[in-house]
């Protein structure tokens, strides 16, 4: 089980990303639009830099929803390999059969 504080920090980041997504996309579009004057583009970059760092989507870490583990994460199932193996062995994941030989 991951530290509760790390999981909560990640959840806070996810909320910030969701909150600032539209504003961030708008400012990025302005900053990358070469048809605008350089002053406007620079002003958009400055505004973008003033947004909270944790509102950037790249700062969110994929974590297992069962244990909070940050590594060996399966995106399709939203869980780590360890949780997947335990739940699969218990027969709680439909269609998953643990092989042994």
Protein backbone atom coordinates (compact mmCIF):
# COMPACT_ATOMS: atom_id res chain seq x y z
CA UNK A 1 0.00 0.00 0.00
CA UNK A 2 1.36 3.41 -0.98
CA UNK A 3 1.64 6.31 1.43
CA UNK A 4 -1.73 7.96 1.84
CA UNK A 5 -0.14 11.41 1.43
CA UNK A 6 1.31 10.48 -1.98
CA UNK A 7 -2.06 9.21 -3.18
CA UNK A 8 -3.83 12.35 -1.90
CA UNK A 9 -1.25 14.64 -3.54
CA UNK A 10 -1.86 12.87 -6.83
CA UNK A 11 -5.63 13.28 -6.43
CA UNK A 12 -5.11 17.00 -5.78
CA UNK A 13 -3.06 17.23 -8.98
CA UNK A 14 -5.84 15.49 -10.92
CA UNK A 15 -8.37 18.03 -9.63
CA UNK A 16 -6.10 20.95 -10.58
CA UNK A 17 -5.53 19.53 -14.06
CA UNK A 18 -9.27 19.26 -14.58
CA UNK A 19 -9.89 22.78 -13.22
CA UNK A 20 -7.29 24.54 -15.38
CA UNK A 21 -7.47 22.36 -18.51
CA UNK A 22 -9.48 24.78 -20.66
CA UNK A 23 -7.49 27.86 -19.64
CA UNK A 24 -4.19 26.04 -20.16
CA UNK A 25 -5.26 24.82 -23.62
CA UNK A 26 -6.40 28.30 -24.62
CA UNK A 27 -3.11 29.90 -23.52
CA UNK A 28 -1.05 27.19 -25.22
CA UNK A 29 -2.95 27.72 -28.46
CA UNK A 30 -2.27 31.48 -28.24
CA UNK A 31 1.41 30.95 -27.45
CA UNK A 32 1.90 28.58 -30.40
CA UNK A 33 -0.13 30.59 -32.94
CA UNK A 34 2.47 32.20 -35.21
CA UNK A 35 -0.10 34.48 -36.83
CA UNK A 36 -0.35 36.55 -33.63
CA UNK A 37 2.19 39.28 -32.80
CA UNK A 38 5.15 38.19 -30.70
CA UNK A 39 4.04 40.41 -27.78
CA UNK A 40 0.70 38.59 -27.46
CA UNK A 41 2.40 35.22 -27.68
CA UNK A 42 4.91 36.21 -25.02
CA UNK A 43 2.12 37.50 -22.76
CA UNK A 44 0.33 34.15 -23.15
CA UNK A 45 3.55 32.36 -22.14
CA UNK A 46 3.82 34.55 -19.03
CA UNK A 47 0.21 33.83 -18.08
CA UNK A 48 0.83 30.13 -18.63
CA UNK A 49 3.84 30.30 -16.31
CA UNK A 50 1.68 31.89 -13.58
CA UNK A 51 -0.69 28.92 -13.48
CA UNK A 52 -0.01 26.35 -10.73
CA UNK A 53 2.64 23.82 -11.71
CA UNK A 54 0.47 20.95 -10.54
CA UNK A 55 -2.20 21.95 -13.06
CA UNK A 56 -0.04 20.45 -15.82
CA UNK A 57 -1.21 17.01 -16.95
CA UNK A 58 2.34 15.65 -17.06
CA UNK A 59 2.65 15.94 -13.29
CA UNK A 60 -0.13 13.41 -12.65
CA UNK A 61 1.17 9.91 -11.92
CA UNK A 62 -0.79 6.81 -12.92
CA UNK A 63 -1.50 4.88 -9.72
CA UNK A 64 -3.23 1.60 -8.95
CA UNK A 65 -6.79 2.24 -7.76
CA UNK A 66 -6.58 -0.72 -5.38
CA UNK A 67 -3.21 -0.17 -3.69
CA UNK A 68 -1.94 3.21 -4.88
CA UNK A 69 1.24 1.65 -6.29
CA UNK A 70 2.80 3.95 -8.93
CA UNK A 71 4.79 1.37 -10.91
CA UNK A 72 3.85 -1.61 -13.09
CA UNK A 73 0.50 0.02 -13.89
CA UNK A 74 -1.88 -1.44 -16.48
CA UNK A 75 -3.81 1.45 -18.03
CA UNK A 76 -6.63 -0.71 -19.34
CA UNK A 77 -7.39 -2.13 -15.87
CA UNK A 78 -6.21 0.86 -13.80
CA UNK A 79 -4.30 -1.37 -11.42
CA UNK A 80 -0.81 -2.64 -10.74
CA UNK A 81 0.50 -6.08 -11.66
CA UNK A 82 0.47 -7.19 -8.02
CA UNK A 83 -3.16 -6.24 -7.43
CA UNK A 84 -4.07 -7.82 -10.77
CA UNK A 85 -2.42 -11.10 -9.78
CA UNK A 86 -4.08 -11.20 -6.35
CA UNK A 87 -7.56 -10.39 -7.67
CA UNK A 88 -7.09 -12.79 -10.59
CA UNK A 89 -6.06 -15.62 -8.28
CA UNK A 90 -9.10 -14.94 -6.14
CA UNK A 91 -11.30 -15.16 -9.25
CA UNK A 92 -12.54 -11.57 -9.00
CA UNK A 93 -11.56 -10.52 -12.54
CA UNK A 94 -13.81 -12.05 -15.22
CA UNK A 95 -11.98 -13.82 -18.01
CA UNK A 96 -8.61 -13.88 -16.27
CA UNK A 97 -7.15 -17.30 -15.59
CA UNK A 98 -3.87 -17.61 -13.72
CA UNK A 99 -1.81 -20.23 -15.46
CA UNK A 100 0.50 -22.60 -13.63
CA UNK A 101 2.55 -25.52 -14.87
